[in-house]
């Protein structure tokens, strides 16, 4: 197929423009793919659930009869194992659940540190 000579600059300009707009849109324009949007939505919903369950964890820690001993154990453990200590204390296990939630335990550790200071 023979294209007219006057049409070639327009075709090249359209192709270069499309590549430029796509590159700028995905890098600086905030465009995301469907998979990326799904990942962000899942992370946001997980964060919202943890934020909603955090008061339950703190209430369980306040009403625990062994609160003083368990808090002392949590404070004595190294920083990276405090989450596991909260999980073993049972404060990150929601009513109706059999296993503790790691993300909730981490949020509870942060809130307990803020609460203690």
PDB file of N, CA and C in Angstrom:
ATOM      1  N   UNK A   1       0.837  -1.169   0.000  1.00  0.00           N
ATOM      2  CA  UNK A   1       0.000   0.000   0.000  1.00  0.00           C
ATOM      3  C   UNK A   1       0.884   1.235   0.000  1.00  0.00           C
ATOM      4  N   UNK A   2       0.586   2.091  -0.892  1.00  0.00           N
ATOM      5  CA  UNK A   2       1.328   3.342  -0.981  1.00  0.00           C
ATOM      6  C   UNK A   2       0.570   4.427  -0.240  1.00  0.00           C
ATOM      7  N   UNK A   3       1.242   5.009   0.756  1.00  0.00           N
ATOM      8  CA  UNK A   3       0.620   6.129   1.462  1.00  0.00           C
ATOM      9  C   UNK A   3       1.174   7.414   0.886  1.00  0.00           C
ATOM     10  N   UNK A   4       0.346   8.415   0.795  1.00  0.00           N
ATOM     11  CA  UNK A   4       0.845   9.683   0.274  1.00  0.00           C
ATOM     12  C   UNK A   4       1.941  10.247   1.181  1.00  0.00           C
ATOM     13  N   UNK A   5       2.854  10.933   0.571  1.00  0.00           N
ATOM     14  CA  UNK A   5       3.999  11.498   1.284  1.00  0.00           C
ATOM     15  C   UNK A   5       3.548  12.515   2.336  1.00  0.00           C
ATOM     16  N   UNK A   6       2.503  13.246   2.098  1.00  0.00           N
ATOM     17  CA  UNK A   6       2.040  14.263   3.043  1.00  0.00           C
ATOM     18  C   UNK A   6       1.376  13.655   4.286  1.00  0.00           C
ATOM     19  N   UNK A   7       1.014  12.353   4.244  1.00  0.00           N
ATOM     20  CA  UNK A   7       0.337  11.697   5.357  1.00  0.00           C
ATOM     21  C   UNK A   7       1.322  11.105   6.370  1.00  0.00           C
ATOM     22  N   UNK A   8       2.545  10.810   5.937  1.00  0.00           N
ATOM     23  CA  UNK A   8       3.521  10.173   6.827  1.00  0.00           C
ATOM     24  C   UNK A   8       3.839  10.998   8.075  1.00  0.00           C
ATOM     25  N   UNK A   9       4.066  12.297   8.027  1.00  0.00           N
ATOM     26  CA  UNK A   9       4.329  13.046   9.262  1.00  0.00           C
ATOM     27  C   UNK A   9       3.150  12.983  10.254  1.00  0.00           C
ATOM     28  N   UNK A  10       1.952  12.966   9.746  1.00  0.00           N
ATOM     29  CA  UNK A  10       0.782  12.865  10.626  1.00  0.00           C
ATOM     30  C   UNK A  10       0.714  11.519  11.329  1.00  0.00           C
ATOM     31  N   UNK A  11       1.021  10.452  10.608  1.00  0.00           N
ATOM     32  CA  UNK A  11       1.015   9.110  11.200  1.00  0.00           C
ATOM     33  C   UNK A  11       2.103   8.994  12.257  1.00  0.00           C
ATOM     34  N   UNK A  12       3.320   9.469  11.917  1.00  0.00           N
ATOM     35  CA  UNK A  12       4.414   9.433  12.881  1.00  0.00           C
ATOM     36  C   UNK A  12       4.080  10.276  14.114  1.00  0.00           C
ATOM     37  N   UNK A  13       3.512  11.423  13.907  1.00  0.00           N
ATOM     38  CA  UNK A  13       3.135  12.288  15.032  1.00  0.00           C
ATOM     39  C   UNK A  13       2.087  11.643  15.922  1.00  0.00           C
ATOM     40  N   UNK A  14       1.118  10.959  15.320  1.00  0.00           N
ATOM     41  CA  UNK A  14       0.075  10.279  16.111  1.00  0.00           C
ATOM     42  C   UNK A  14       0.671   9.142  16.928  1.00  0.00           C
ATOM     43  N   UNK A  15       1.572   8.371  16.327  1.00  0.00           N
ATOM     44  CA  UNK A  15       2.203   7.266  17.066  1.00  0.00           C
ATOM     45  C   UNK A  15       3.077   7.765  18.209  1.00  0.00           C
ATOM     46  N   UNK A  16       3.897   8.759  17.943  1.00  0.00           N
ATOM     47  CA  UNK A  16       4.760   9.312  18.981  1.00  0.00           C
ATOM     48  C   UNK A  16       3.911   9.961  20.082  1.00  0.00           C
ATOM     49  N   UNK A  17       2.860  10.646  19.689  1.00  0.00           N
ATOM     50  CA  UNK A  17       1.960  11.267  20.669  1.00  0.00           C
ATOM     51  C   UNK A  17       1.264  10.240  21.539  1.00  0.00           C
ATOM     52  N   UNK A  18       0.842   9.131  20.950  1.00  0.00           N
ATOM     53  CA  UNK A  18       0.175   8.081  21.729  1.00  0.00           C
ATOM     54  C   UNK A  18       1.120   7.461  22.751  1.00  0.00           C
ATOM     55  N   UNK A  19       2.362   7.204  22.320  1.00  0.00           N
ATOM     56  CA  UNK A  19       3.355   6.658  23.249  1.00  0.00           C
ATOM     57  C   UNK A  19       3.643   7.670  24.359  1.00  0.00           C
ATOM     58  N   UNK A  20       3.783   8.924  24.011  1.00  0.00           N
ATOM     59  CA  UNK A  20       4.067   9.966  24.993  1.00  0.00           C
ATOM     60  C   UNK A  20       2.921  10.109  25.994  1.00  0.00           C
ATOM     61  N   UNK A  21       1.689  10.162  25.513  1.00  0.00           N
ATOM     62  CA  UNK A  21       0.537  10.312  26.398  1.00  0.00           C
ATOM     63  C   UNK A  21       0.403   9.099  27.314  1.00  0.00           C
ATOM     64  N   UNK A  22       0.613   7.902  26.785  1.00  0.00           N
ATOM     65  CA  UNK A  22       0.550   6.697  27.615  1.00  0.00           C
ATOM     66  C   UNK A  22       1.619   6.681  28.687  1.00  0.00           C
ATOM     67  N   UNK A  23       2.841   7.045  28.315  1.00  0.00           N
ATOM     68  CA  UNK A  23       3.941   7.074  29.274  1.00  0.00           C
ATOM     69  C   UNK A  23       3.690   8.110  30.361  1.00  0.00           C
ATOM     70  N   UNK A  24       3.324   9.297  29.982  1.00  0.00           N
ATOM     71  CA  UNK A  24       3.066  10.353  30.961  1.00  0.00           C
ATOM     72  C   UNK A  24       1.856  10.007  31.822  1.00  0.00           C
ATOM     73  N   UNK A  25       0.824   9.462  31.226  1.00  0.00           N
ATOM     74  CA  UNK A  25      -0.382   9.126  31.978  1.00  0.00           C
ATOM     75  C   UNK A  25      -0.147   8.068  33.039  1.00  0.00           C
ATOM     76  N   UNK A  26       0.601   7.015  32.718  1.00  0.00           N
ATOM     77  CA  UNK A  26       0.828   5.951  33.683  1.00  0.00           C
ATOM     78  C   UNK A  26       1.918   6.296  34.683  1.00  0.00           C
ATOM     79  N   UNK A  27       2.873   7.155  34.323  1.00  0.00           N
ATOM     80  CA  UNK A  27       3.935   7.465  35.273  1.00  0.00           C
ATOM     81  C   UNK A  27       3.586   8.661  36.154  1.00  0.00           C
ATOM     82  N   UNK A  28       3.090   9.750  35.587  1.00  0.00           N
ATOM     83  CA  UNK A  28       2.811  10.946  36.374  1.00  0.00           C
ATOM     84  C   UNK A  28       1.318  11.259  36.477  1.00  0.00           C
ATOM     85  N   UNK A  29       0.524  10.737  35.593  1.00  0.00           N
ATOM     86  CA  UNK A  29      -0.879  11.110  35.546  1.00  0.00           C
ATOM     87  C   UNK A  29      -1.778  10.373  36.513  1.00  0.00           C
ATOM     88  N   UNK A  30      -1.258   9.343  37.167  1.00  0.00           N
ATOM     89  CA  UNK A  30      -2.066   8.614  38.120  1.00  0.00           C
ATOM     90  C   UNK A  30      -2.927   7.528  37.511  1.00  0.00           C
ATOM     91  N   UNK A  31      -2.738   7.214  36.254  1.00  0.00           N
ATOM     92  CA  UNK A  31      -3.500   6.139  35.646  1.00  0.00           C
ATOM     93  C   UNK A  31      -3.019   4.813  36.224  1.00  0.00           C
ATOM     94  N   UNK A  32      -3.931   3.881  36.414  1.00  0.00           N
ATOM     95  CA  UNK A  32      -3.570   2.551  36.885  1.00  0.00           C
ATOM     96  C   UNK A  32      -4.318   1.509  36.061  1.00  0.00           C
ATOM     97  N   UNK A  33      -3.767   0.329  36.065  1.00  0.00           N
ATOM     98  CA  UNK A  33      -4.439  -0.771  35.380  1.00  0.00           C
ATOM     99  C   UNK A  33      -5.520  -1.338  36.291  1.00  0.00           C
ATOM    100  N   UNK A  34      -6.339  -2.200  35.770  1.00  0.00           N
ATOM    101  CA  UNK A  34      -7.387  -2.825  36.576  1.00  0.00           C
ATOM    102  C   UNK A  34      -6.819  -3.648  37.718  1.00  0.00           C
ATOM    103  N   UNK A  35      -5.739  -4.357  37.459  1.00  0.00           N
ATOM    104  CA  UNK A  35      -5.098  -5.152  38.508  1.00  0.00           C
ATOM    105  C   UNK A  35      -4.513  -4.283  39.604  1.00  0.00           C
ATOM    106  N   UNK A  36      -3.906  -3.173  39.224  1.00  0.00           N
ATOM    107  CA  UNK A  36      -3.356  -2.249  40.218  1.00  0.00           C
ATOM    108  C   UNK A  36      -4.444  -1.619  41.073  1.00  0.00           C
ATOM    109  N   UNK A  37      -5.550  -1.270  40.437  1.00  0.00           N
ATOM    110  CA  UNK A  37      -6.674  -0.704  41.181  1.00  0.00           C
ATOM    111  C   UNK A  37      -7.259  -1.731  42.136  1.00  0.00           C
ATOM    112  N   UNK A  38      -7.321  -2.984  41.722  1.00  0.00           N
ATOM    113  CA  UNK A  38      -7.824  -4.045  42.582  1.00  0.00           C
ATOM    114  C   UNK A  38      -6.925  -4.237  43.799  1.00  0.00           C
ATOM    115  N   UNK A  39      -5.615  -4.222  43.598  1.00  0.00           N
ATOM    116  CA  UNK A  39      -4.675  -4.361  44.712  1.00  0.00           C
ATOM    117  C   UNK A  39      -4.821  -3.203  45.693  1.00  0.00           C
ATOM    118  N   UNK A  40      -4.955  -1.983  45.169  1.00  0.00           N
ATOM    119  CA  UNK A  40      -5.127  -0.830  46.053  1.00  0.00           C
ATOM    120  C   UNK A  40      -6.430  -0.909  46.827  1.00  0.00           C
ATOM    121  N   UNK A  41      -7.492  -1.351  46.190  1.00  0.00           N
ATOM    122  CA  UNK A  41      -8.786  -1.470  46.863  1.00  0.00           C
ATOM    123  C   UNK A  41      -8.731  -2.531  47.957  1.00  0.00           C
ATOM    124  N   UNK A  42      -8.072  -3.645  47.694  1.00  0.00           N
ATOM    125  CA  UNK A  42      -7.941  -4.686  48.716  1.00  0.00           C
ATOM    126  C   UNK A  42      -7.128  -4.197  49.909  1.00  0.00           C
ATOM    127  N   UNK A  43      -6.050  -3.468  49.640  1.00  0.00           N
ATOM    128  CA  UNK A  43      -5.230  -2.949  50.736  1.00  0.00           C
ATOM    129  C   UNK A  43      -6.002  -1.923  51.564  1.00  0.00           C
ATOM    130  N   UNK A  44      -6.755  -1.067  50.896  1.00  0.00           N
ATOM    131  CA  UNK A  44      -7.531  -0.064  51.620  1.00  0.00           C
ATOM    132  C   UNK A  44      -8.624  -0.723  52.458  1.00  0.00           C
ATOM    133  N   UNK A  45      -9.269  -1.737  51.931  1.00  0.00           N
ATOM    134  CA  UNK A  45     -10.319  -2.402  52.705  1.00  0.00           C
ATOM    135  C   UNK A  45      -9.719  -3.156  53.890  1.00  0.00           C
ATOM    136  N   UNK A  46      -8.561  -3.762  53.699  1.00  0.00           N
ATOM    137  CA  UNK A  46      -7.882  -4.461  54.804  1.00  0.00           C
ATOM    138  C   UNK A  46      -7.499  -3.478  55.900  1.00  0.00           C
ATOM    139  N   UNK A  47      -6.987  -2.314  55.520  1.00  0.00           N
ATOM    140  CA  UNK A  47      -6.642  -1.295  56.506  1.00  0.00           C
ATOM    141  C   UNK A  47      -7.874  -0.796  57.253  1.00  0.00           C
ATOM    142  N   UNK A  48      -8.982  -0.661  56.551  1.00  0.00           N
ATOM    143  CA  UNK A  48     -10.222  -0.211  57.187  1.00  0.00           C
ATOM    144  C   UNK A  48     -10.746  -1.243  58.177  1.00  0.00           C
ATOM    145  N   UNK A  49     -10.652  -2.512  57.828  1.00  0.00           N
ATOM    146  CA  UNK A  49     -11.101  -3.570  58.735  1.00  0.00           C
ATOM    147  C   UNK A  49     -10.227  -3.597  59.987  1.00  0.00           C
ATOM    148  N   UNK A  50      -8.926  -3.461  59.820  1.00  0.00           N
ATOM    149  CA  UNK A  50      -8.021  -3.454  60.966  1.00  0.00           C
ATOM    150  C   UNK A  50      -8.316  -2.253  61.856  1.00  0.00           C
ATOM    151  N   UNK A  51      -8.555  -1.098  61.254  1.00  0.00           N
ATOM    152  CA  UNK A  51      -8.882   0.090  62.044  1.00  0.00           C
ATOM    153  C   UNK A  51     -10.196  -0.087  62.800  1.00  0.00           C
ATOM    154  N   UNK A  52     -11.146  -0.789  62.209  1.00  0.00           N
ATOM    155  CA  UNK A  52     -12.426  -1.021  62.876  1.00  0.00           C
ATOM    156  C   UNK A  52     -12.292  -2.048  64.004  1.00  0.00           C
ATOM    157  N   UNK A  53     -11.392  -3.008  63.875  1.00  0.00           N
ATOM    158  CA  UNK A  53     -11.221  -4.039  64.894  1.00  0.00           C
ATOM    159  C   UNK A  53     -10.243  -3.648  65.994  1.00  0.00           C
ATOM    160  N   UNK A  54      -9.470  -2.603  65.800  1.00  0.00           N
ATOM    161  CA  UNK A  54      -8.477  -2.194  66.786  1.00  0.00           C
ATOM    162  C   UNK A  54      -9.099  -1.899  68.154  1.00  0.00           C
ATOM    163  N   UNK A  55     -10.238  -1.207  68.248  1.00  0.00           N
ATOM    164  CA  UNK A  55     -10.824  -0.986  69.575  1.00  0.00           C
ATOM    165  C   UNK A  55     -11.176  -2.286  70.305  1.00  0.00           C
ATOM    166  N   UNK A  56     -11.523  -3.339  69.570  1.00  0.00           N
ATOM    167  CA  UNK A  56     -11.823  -4.633  70.206  1.00  0.00           C
ATOM    168  C   UNK A  56     -10.558  -5.198  70.836  1.00  0.00           C
ATOM    169  N   UNK A  57      -9.449  -5.108  70.131  1.00  0.00           N
ATOM    170  CA  UNK A  57      -8.175  -5.592  70.651  1.00  0.00           C
ATOM    171  C   UNK A  57      -7.778  -4.807  71.899  1.00  0.00           C
ATOM    172  N   UNK A  58      -7.920  -3.497  71.855  1.00  0.00           N
ATOM    173  CA  UNK A  58      -7.566  -2.674  73.006  1.00  0.00           C
ATOM    174  C   UNK A  58      -8.495  -2.948  74.186  1.00  0.00           C
ATOM    175  N   UNK A  59      -9.772  -3.181  73.910  1.00  0.00           N
ATOM    176  CA  UNK A  59     -10.708  -3.501  74.981  1.00  0.00           C
ATOM    177  C   UNK A  59     -10.374  -4.852  75.606  1.00  0.00           C
ATOM    178  N   UNK A  60      -9.992  -5.805  74.778  1.00  0.00           N
ATOM    179  CA  UNK A  60      -9.598  -7.119  75.307  1.00  0.00           C
ATOM    180  C   UNK A  60      -8.361  -6.981  76.195  1.00  0.00           C
ATOM    181  N   UNK A  61      -7.448  -6.087  75.816  1.00  0.00           N
ATOM    182  CA  UNK A  61      -6.258  -5.899  76.646  1.00  0.00           C
ATOM    183  C   UNK A  61      -6.612  -5.204  77.960  1.00  0.00           C
ATOM    184  N   UNK A  62      -7.573  -4.280  77.932  1.00  0.00           N
ATOM    185  CA  UNK A  62      -7.965  -3.558  79.152  1.00  0.00           C
ATOM    186  C   UNK A  62      -8.710  -4.458  80.132  1.00  0.00           C
ATOM    187  N   UNK A  63      -9.501  -5.388  79.624  1.00  0.00           N
ATOM    188  CA  UNK A  63     -10.327  -6.216  80.493  1.00  0.00           C
ATOM    189  C   UNK A  63      -9.675  -7.543  80.861  1.00  0.00           C
ATOM    190  N   UNK A  64      -8.477  -7.789  80.380  1.00  0.00           N
ATOM    191  CA  UNK A  64      -7.789  -9.041  80.694  1.00  0.00           C
ATOM    192  C   UNK A  64      -7.334  -9.016  82.152  1.00  0.00           C
ATOM    193  N   UNK A  65      -7.606 -10.099  82.867  1.00  0.00           N
ATOM    194  CA  UNK A  65      -7.227 -10.161  84.286  1.00  0.00           C
ATOM    195  C   UNK A  65      -5.706 -10.244  84.460  1.00  0.00           C
ATOM    196  N   UNK A  66      -4.992 -10.734  83.471  1.00  0.00           N
ATOM    197  CA  UNK A  66      -3.529 -10.820  83.525  1.00  0.00           C
ATOM    198  C   UNK A  66      -2.870  -9.700  82.738  1.00  0.00           C
ATOM    199  N   UNK A  67      -3.536  -8.575  82.636  1.00  0.00           N
ATOM    200  CA  UNK A  67      -3.056  -7.463  81.823  1.00  0.00           C
ATOM    201  C   UNK A  67      -1.645  -7.026  82.206  1.00  0.00           C
ATOM    202  N   UNK A  68      -1.373  -6.842  83.462  1.00  0.00           N
ATOM    203  CA  UNK A  68      -0.069  -6.330  83.910  1.00  0.00           C
ATOM    204  C   UNK A  68       1.043  -7.288  83.496  1.00  0.00           C
ATOM    205  N   UNK A  69       0.853  -8.569  83.734  1.00  0.00           N
ATOM    206  CA  UNK A  69       1.886  -9.548  83.401  1.00  0.00           C
ATOM    207  C   UNK A  69       2.084  -9.646  81.894  1.00  0.00           C
ATOM    208  N   UNK A  70       0.984  -9.642  81.152  1.00  0.00           N
ATOM    209  CA  UNK A  70       1.099  -9.754  79.696  1.00  0.00           C
ATOM    210  C   UNK A  70       1.742  -8.506  79.096  1.00  0.00           C
ATOM    211  N   UNK A  71       1.399  -7.324  79.617  1.00  0.00           N
ATOM    212  CA  UNK A  71       2.041  -6.102  79.114  1.00  0.00           C
ATOM    213  C   UNK A  71       3.527  -6.099  79.429  1.00  0.00           C
ATOM    214  N   UNK A  72       3.882  -6.589  80.616  1.00  0.00           N
ATOM    215  CA  UNK A  72       5.302  -6.673  80.964  1.00  0.00           C
ATOM    216  C   UNK A  72       6.024  -7.621  80.018  1.00  0.00           C
ATOM    217  N   UNK A  73       5.394  -8.736  79.698  1.00  0.00           N
ATOM    218  CA  UNK A  73       5.999  -9.694  78.761  1.00  0.00           C
ATOM    219  C   UNK A  73       6.151  -9.073  77.382  1.00  0.00           C
ATOM    220  N   UNK A  74       5.133  -8.345  76.943  1.00  0.00           N
ATOM    221  CA  UNK A  74       5.192  -7.712  75.616  1.00  0.00           C
ATOM    222  C   UNK A  74       6.294  -6.666  75.577  1.00  0.00           C
ATOM    223  N   UNK A  75       6.413  -5.871  76.634  1.00  0.00           N
ATOM    224  CA  UNK A  75       7.453  -4.826  76.657  1.00  0.00           C
ATOM    225  C   UNK A  75       8.858  -5.415  76.752  1.00  0.00           C
ATOM    226  N   UNK A  76       8.995  -6.572  77.409  1.00  0.00           N
ATOM    227  CA  UNK A  76      10.315  -7.187  77.568  1.00  0.00           C
ATOM    228  C   UNK A  76      10.803  -7.846  76.278  1.00  0.00           C
ATOM    229  N   UNK A  77       9.892  -8.262  75.426  1.00  0.00           N
ATOM    230  CA  UNK A  77      10.308  -8.930  74.191  1.00  0.00           C
ATOM    231  C   UNK A  77      10.908  -7.910  73.227  1.00  0.00           C
ATOM    232  N   UNK A  78      11.689  -8.407  72.309  1.00  0.00           N
ATOM    233  CA  UNK A  78      12.294  -7.511  71.325  1.00  0.00           C
ATOM    234  C   UNK A  78      11.199  -6.930  70.428  1.00  0.00           C
ATOM    235  N   UNK A  79      11.496  -5.815  69.823  1.00  0.00           N
ATOM    236  CA  UNK A  79      10.514  -5.063  69.043  1.00  0.00           C
ATOM    237  C   UNK A  79       9.895  -5.908  67.940  1.00  0.00           C
ATOM    238  N   UNK A  80      10.687  -6.699  67.266  1.00  0.00           N
ATOM    239  CA  UNK A  80      10.157  -7.462  66.140  1.00  0.00           C
ATOM    240  C   UNK A  80       9.360  -8.686  66.579  1.00  0.00           C
ATOM    241  N   UNK A  81       9.373  -9.027  67.867  1.00  0.00           N
ATOM    242  CA  UNK A  81       8.583 -10.157  68.352  1.00  0.00           C
ATOM    243  C   UNK A  81       7.395  -9.723  69.197  1.00  0.00           C
ATOM    244  N   UNK A  82       7.183  -8.428  69.341  1.00  0.00           N
ATOM    245  CA  UNK A  82       6.060  -7.958  70.135  1.00  0.00           C
ATOM    246  C   UNK A  82       4.732  -8.352  69.519  1.00  0.00           C
ATOM    247  N   UNK A  83       4.662  -8.353  68.202  1.00  0.00           N
ATOM    248  CA  UNK A  83       3.434  -8.773  67.531  1.00  0.00           C
ATOM    249  C   UNK A  83       3.085 -10.206  67.914  1.00  0.00           C
ATOM    250  N   UNK A  84       4.080 -11.086  67.928  1.00  0.00           N
ATOM    251  CA  UNK A  84       3.834 -12.473  68.311  1.00  0.00           C
ATOM    252  C   UNK A  84       3.404 -12.578  69.763  1.00  0.00           C
ATOM    253  N   UNK A  85       3.937 -11.702  70.627  1.00  0.00           N
ATOM    254  CA  UNK A  85       3.544 -11.718  72.036  1.00  0.00           C
ATOM    255  C   UNK A  85       2.091 -11.293  72.205  1.00  0.00           C
ATOM    256  N   UNK A  86       1.648 -10.309  71.430  1.00  0.00           N
ATOM    257  CA  UNK A  86       0.237  -9.900  71.483  1.00  0.00           C
ATOM    258  C   UNK A  86      -0.641 -11.026  70.959  1.00  0.00           C
ATOM    259  N   UNK A  87      -0.193 -11.705  69.938  1.00  0.00           N
ATOM    260  CA  UNK A  87      -0.970 -12.823  69.401  1.00  0.00           C
ATOM    261  C   UNK A  87      -1.070 -13.951  70.425  1.00  0.00           C
ATOM    262  N   UNK A  88       0.027 -14.247  71.135  1.00  0.00           N
ATOM    263  CA  UNK A  88      -0.022 -15.312  72.135  1.00  0.00           C
ATOM    264  C   UNK A  88      -0.810 -14.886  73.370  1.00  0.00           C
ATOM    265  N   UNK A  89      -0.922 -13.594  73.622  1.00  0.00           N
ATOM    266  CA  UNK A  89      -1.742 -13.110  74.733  1.00  0.00           C
ATOM    267  C   UNK A  89      -3.224 -13.303  74.449  1.00  0.00           C
ATOM    268  N   UNK A  90      -3.576 -13.451  73.178  1.00  0.00           N
ATOM    269  CA  UNK A  90      -4.969 -13.681  72.805  1.00  0.00           C
ATOM    270  C   UNK A  90      -5.735 -12.421  72.479  1.00  0.00           C
ATOM    271  N   UNK A  91      -5.086 -11.296  72.485  1.00  0.00           N
ATOM    272  CA  UNK A  91      -5.765 -10.029  72.250  1.00  0.00           C
ATOM    273  C   UNK A  91      -6.044  -9.783  70.772  1.00  0.00           C
ATOM    274  N   UNK A  92      -5.354 -10.458  69.884  1.00  0.00           N
ATOM    275  CA  UNK A  92      -5.561 -10.264  68.452  1.00  0.00           C
ATOM    276  C   UNK A  92      -6.465 -11.337  67.854  1.00  0.00           C
ATOM    277  N   UNK A  93      -7.050 -12.159  68.708  1.00  0.00           N
ATOM    278  CA  UNK A  93      -7.995 -13.175  68.245  1.00  0.00           C
ATOM    279  C   UNK A  93      -9.397 -12.636  68.449  1.00  0.00           C
ATOM    280  N   UNK A  94     -10.097 -12.415  67.369  1.00  0.00           N
ATOM    281  CA  UNK A  94     -11.429 -11.843  67.448  1.00  0.00           C
ATOM    282  C   UNK A  94     -12.438 -12.886  67.910  1.00  0.00           C
ATOM    283  N   UNK A  95     -13.469 -12.453  68.609  1.00  0.00           N
ATOM    284  CA  UNK A  95     -14.517 -13.400  69.010  1.00  0.00           C
ATOM    285  C   UNK A  95     -15.115 -14.092  67.776  1.00  0.00           C
ATOM    286  N   UNK A  96     -15.244 -15.393  67.858  1.00  0.00           N
ATOM    287  CA  UNK A  96     -15.748 -16.175  66.739  1.00  0.00           C
ATOM    288  C   UNK A  96     -14.639 -16.699  65.845  1.00  0.00           C
ATOM    289  N   UNK A  97     -13.420 -16.266  66.076  1.00  0.00           N
ATOM    290  CA  UNK A  97     -12.282 -16.710  65.277  1.00  0.00           C
ATOM    291  C   UNK A  97     -11.402 -17.604  66.136  1.00  0.00           C
ATOM    292  N   UNK A  98     -10.697 -18.517  65.499  1.00  0.00           N
ATOM    293  CA  UNK A  98      -9.824 -19.414  66.242  1.00  0.00           C
ATOM    294  C   UNK A  98      -8.356 -19.004  66.165  1.00  0.00           C
ATOM    295  N   UNK A  99      -8.007 -18.214  65.176  1.00  0.00           N
ATOM    296  CA  UNK A  99      -6.607 -17.832  65.006  1.00  0.00           C
ATOM    297  C   UNK A  99      -6.459 -16.316  65.128  1.00  0.00           C
ATOM    298  N   UNK A 100      -5.330 -15.859  65.654  1.00  0.00           N
ATOM    299  CA  UNK A 100      -5.105 -14.419  65.756  1.00  0.00           C
ATOM    300  C   UNK A 100      -4.753 -13.820  64.395  1.00  0.00           C
ATOM    301  N   UNK A 101      -4.985 -12.537  64.262  1.00  0.00           N
ATOM    302  CA  UNK A 101      -4.697 -11.814  63.026  1.00  0.00           C
ATOM    303  C   UNK A 101      -3.386 -11.052  63.198  1.00  0.00           C
ATOM    304  N   UNK A 102      -2.449 -11.286  62.307  1.00  0.00           N
ATOM    305  CA  UNK A 102      -1.121 -10.669  62.419  1.00  0.00           C
ATOM    306  C   UNK A 102      -1.175  -9.157  62.248  1.00  0.00           C
ATOM    307  N   UNK A 103      -1.954  -8.690  61.280  1.00  0.00           N
ATOM    308  CA  UNK A 103      -2.040  -7.249  61.054  1.00  0.00           C
ATOM    309  C   UNK A 103      -2.712  -6.547  62.227  1.00  0.00           C
ATOM    310  N   UNK A 104      -3.723  -7.158  62.790  1.00  0.00           N
ATOM    311  CA  UNK A 104      -4.394  -6.586  63.953  1.00  0.00           C
ATOM    312  C   UNK A 104      -3.448  -6.564  65.146  1.00  0.00           C
ATOM    313  N   UNK A 105      -2.661  -7.609  65.312  1.00  0.00           N
ATOM    314  CA  UNK A 105      -1.692  -7.638  66.405  1.00  0.00           C
ATOM    315  C   UNK A 105      -0.664  -6.524  66.251  1.00  0.00           C
ATOM    316  N   UNK A 106      -0.218  -6.265  65.040  1.00  0.00           N
ATOM    317  CA  UNK A 106       0.747  -5.196  64.813  1.00  0.00           C
ATOM    318  C   UNK A 106       0.133  -3.834  65.132  1.00  0.00           C
ATOM    319  N   UNK A 107      -1.111  -3.624  64.725  1.00  0.00           N
ATOM    320  CA  UNK A 107      -1.796  -2.366  65.026  1.00  0.00           C
ATOM    321  C   UNK A 107      -2.027  -2.224  66.522  1.00  0.00           C
ATOM    322  N   UNK A 108      -2.323  -3.325  67.181  1.00  0.00           N
ATOM    323  CA  UNK A 108      -2.545  -3.305  68.624  1.00  0.00           C
ATOM    324  C   UNK A 108      -1.251  -2.975  69.365  1.00  0.00           C
ATOM    325  N   UNK A 109      -0.130  -3.502  68.906  1.00  0.00           N
ATOM    326  CA  UNK A 109       1.162  -3.169  69.514  1.00  0.00           C
ATOM    327  C   UNK A 109       1.421  -1.671  69.413  1.00  0.00           C
ATOM    328  N   UNK A 110       1.169  -1.116  68.245  1.00  0.00           N
ATOM    329  CA  UNK A 110       1.392   0.326  68.055  1.00  0.00           C
ATOM    330  C   UNK A 110       0.470   1.141  68.963  1.00  0.00           C
ATOM    331  N   UNK A 111      -0.775   0.736  69.083  1.00  0.00           N
ATOM    332  CA  UNK A 111      -1.721   1.466  69.923  1.00  0.00           C
ATOM    333  C   UNK A 111      -1.393   1.305  71.398  1.00  0.00           C
ATOM    334  N   UNK A 112      -0.929   0.141  71.795  1.00  0.00           N
ATOM    335  CA  UNK A 112      -0.541  -0.068  73.193  1.00  0.00           C
ATOM    336  C   UNK A 112       0.668   0.771  73.543  1.00  0.00           C
ATOM    337  N   UNK A 113       1.617   0.907  72.604  1.00  0.00           N
ATOM    338  CA  UNK A 113       2.782   1.762  72.856  1.00  0.00           C
ATOM    339  C   UNK A 113       2.359   3.199  73.026  1.00  0.00           C
ATOM    340  N   UNK A 114       1.421   3.666  72.213  1.00  0.00           N
ATOM    341  CA  UNK A 114       0.920   5.029  72.326  1.00  0.00           C
ATOM    342  C   UNK A 114       0.151   5.191  73.631  1.00  0.00           C
ATOM    343  N   UNK A 115      -0.582   4.166  74.002  1.00  0.00           N
ATOM    344  CA  UNK A 115      -1.378   4.213  75.209  1.00  0.00           C
ATOM    345  C   UNK A 115      -0.503   4.251  76.453  1.00  0.00           C
ATOM    346  N   UNK A 116       0.625   3.548  76.409  1.00  0.00           N
ATOM    347  CA  UNK A 116       1.481   3.445  77.582  1.00  0.00           C
ATOM    348  C   UNK A 116       2.273   4.723  77.825  1.00  0.00           C
ATOM    349  N   UNK A 117       2.531   5.491  76.755  1.00  0.00           N
ATOM    350  CA  UNK A 117       3.363   6.686  76.928  1.00  0.00           C
ATOM    351  C   UNK A 117       2.562   7.884  77.347  1.00  0.00           C
TER     352      UNK A 117
END
